[in-house]
Protein backbone atom coordinates (compact mmCIF):
# COMPACT_ATOMS: atom_id res chain seq x y z
CA UNK A 1 -13.24 -39.69 -6.77
CA UNK A 2 -12.54 -35.59 -6.40
CA UNK A 3 -9.95 -33.65 -7.76
CA UNK A 4 -6.88 -32.07 -5.97
CA UNK A 5 -8.13 -28.25 -6.22
CA UNK A 6 -5.13 -25.43 -5.42
CA UNK A 7 -6.27 -22.30 -3.31
CA UNK A 8 -4.43 -19.23 -2.54
CA UNK A 9 -5.18 -16.62 -0.05
CA UNK A 10 -2.86 -13.58 0.84
CA UNK A 11 0.75 -15.72 0.87
CA UNK A 12 -1.17 -19.23 1.87
CA UNK A 13 -1.70 -21.74 -0.46
CA UNK A 14 -2.92 -25.28 -0.22
CA UNK A 15 -4.13 -27.98 -1.99
CA UNK A 16 -7.29 -29.67 -1.20
CA UNK A 17 -10.36 -31.74 -2.50
CA UNK A 18 -12.77 -28.75 -1.35
CA UNK A 19 -12.51 -24.86 -0.41
CA UNK A 20 -10.39 -24.76 3.07
CA UNK A 21 -12.90 -23.06 5.68
CA UNK A 22 -12.56 -19.34 5.99
CA UNK A 23 -13.40 -16.65 3.94
CA UNK A 24 -11.02 -15.05 0.91
CA UNK A 25 -10.02 -18.39 -0.57
CA UNK A 26 -9.18 -17.77 -4.37
CA UNK A 27 -9.16 -21.20 -6.81
CA UNK A 28 -6.24 -21.07 -8.65
CA UNK A 29 -4.77 -22.96 -10.91
CA UNK A 30 -1.90 -25.84 -11.03
CA UNK A 31 0.23 -23.49 -12.72
CA UNK A 32 -0.62 -20.49 -10.58
CA UNK A 33 -0.03 -22.74 -7.46
CA UNK A 34 3.64 -23.98 -8.59
CA UNK A 35 4.53 -20.13 -9.32
CA UNK A 36 3.49 -19.20 -6.14
CA UNK A 37 5.20 -22.26 -4.23
CA UNK A 38 8.29 -21.53 -6.10
CA UNK A 39 8.17 -17.72 -5.18
CA UNK A 40 7.57 -18.76 -1.67
CA UNK A 41 10.70 -20.91 -1.45
CA UNK A 42 12.57 -17.74 -3.22
CA UNK A 43 11.45 -15.71 -0.63
CA UNK A 44 12.59 -17.96 2.29
CA UNK A 45 16.07 -18.50 0.41
CA UNK A 46 16.48 -14.44 0.69
CA UNK A 47 15.26 -14.27 4.07
CA UNK A 48 17.60 -16.73 5.09
CA UNK A 49 20.72 -14.81 3.77
CA UNK A 50 19.67 -11.81 5.52
CA UNK A 51 19.21 -13.61 8.96
CA UNK A 52 22.47 -14.82 8.03
CA UNK A 53 24.19 -11.05 8.15
CA UNK A 54 22.17 -10.16 11.52
CA UNK A 55 25.15 -11.27 13.96
CA UNK A 56 26.42 -8.26 11.72
CA UNK A 57 24.22 -5.46 12.06
CA UNK A 58 24.23 -6.20 15.66
CA UNK A 59 27.90 -5.77 15.67
CA UNK A 60 27.45 -2.59 14.22
CA UNK A 61 24.64 -1.63 16.26
CA UNK A 62 27.33 -2.42 19.36
CA UNK A 63 29.94 -0.60 17.59
CA UNK A 64 32.19 -3.00 17.03
CA UNK A 65 32.27 -2.71 13.15
CA UNK A 66 33.14 0.67 11.83
CA UNK A 67 30.75 2.50 9.03
CA UNK A 68 33.11 1.63 6.55
CA UNK A 69 33.46 -2.06 7.73
CA UNK A 70 29.45 -2.20 7.46
CA UNK A 71 28.95 -0.45 4.61
CA UNK A 72 29.15 -3.39 2.01
CA UNK A 73 27.00 -5.89 4.42
CA UNK A 74 24.73 -2.92 4.69
CA UNK A 75 24.11 -2.41 1.04
CA UNK A 76 23.74 -6.21 0.71
CA UNK A 77 20.81 -6.52 3.57
CA UNK A 78 19.14 -3.84 1.47
CA UNK A 79 19.48 -5.43 -1.54
CA UNK A 80 17.74 -8.35 -0.23
CA UNK A 81 15.07 -6.59 1.40
CA UNK A 82 14.26 -5.08 -2.00
CA UNK A 83 14.36 -8.45 -3.83
CA UNK A 84 11.88 -9.68 -1.17
CA UNK A 85 9.94 -6.62 -1.68
CA UNK A 86 9.41 -7.58 -5.56
CA UNK A 87 8.69 -11.20 -4.90
CA UNK A 88 6.14 -10.13 -2.44
CA UNK A 89 4.11 -7.41 -4.94
CA UNK A 90 4.21 -10.44 -7.58
CA UNK A 91 1.83 -12.43 -5.06
CA UNK A 92 -0.58 -9.60 -4.71
C-alpha cells in the first residue's frame, strides 16, 4: 500500500499517493502541509471579516457615511488587508 504524500503548488496543497498532474508541484512534509492549511484557514477567516464590512464601504462610496464615520472602518479594513498580505507572504 502506498503512503500518502503531501504536495504544494503556489497556494494549493493536496494529499495523494502520487504527484498531482501538471508542473510545479513540490513534495512537502505533513507538518508543512498542516502549517499551510492553518495559514490558508486564517486567511479565509480574515477575508470573511473583510467582506462583512463591504456594505459599509459601499455606503461610504455612495455618500451615506461621512469621512469621520467611516474612518474607523477604513482603518480596520486596511489592518485586515495587512494581515492577509503578511500571511500570504509566508506561503511563498
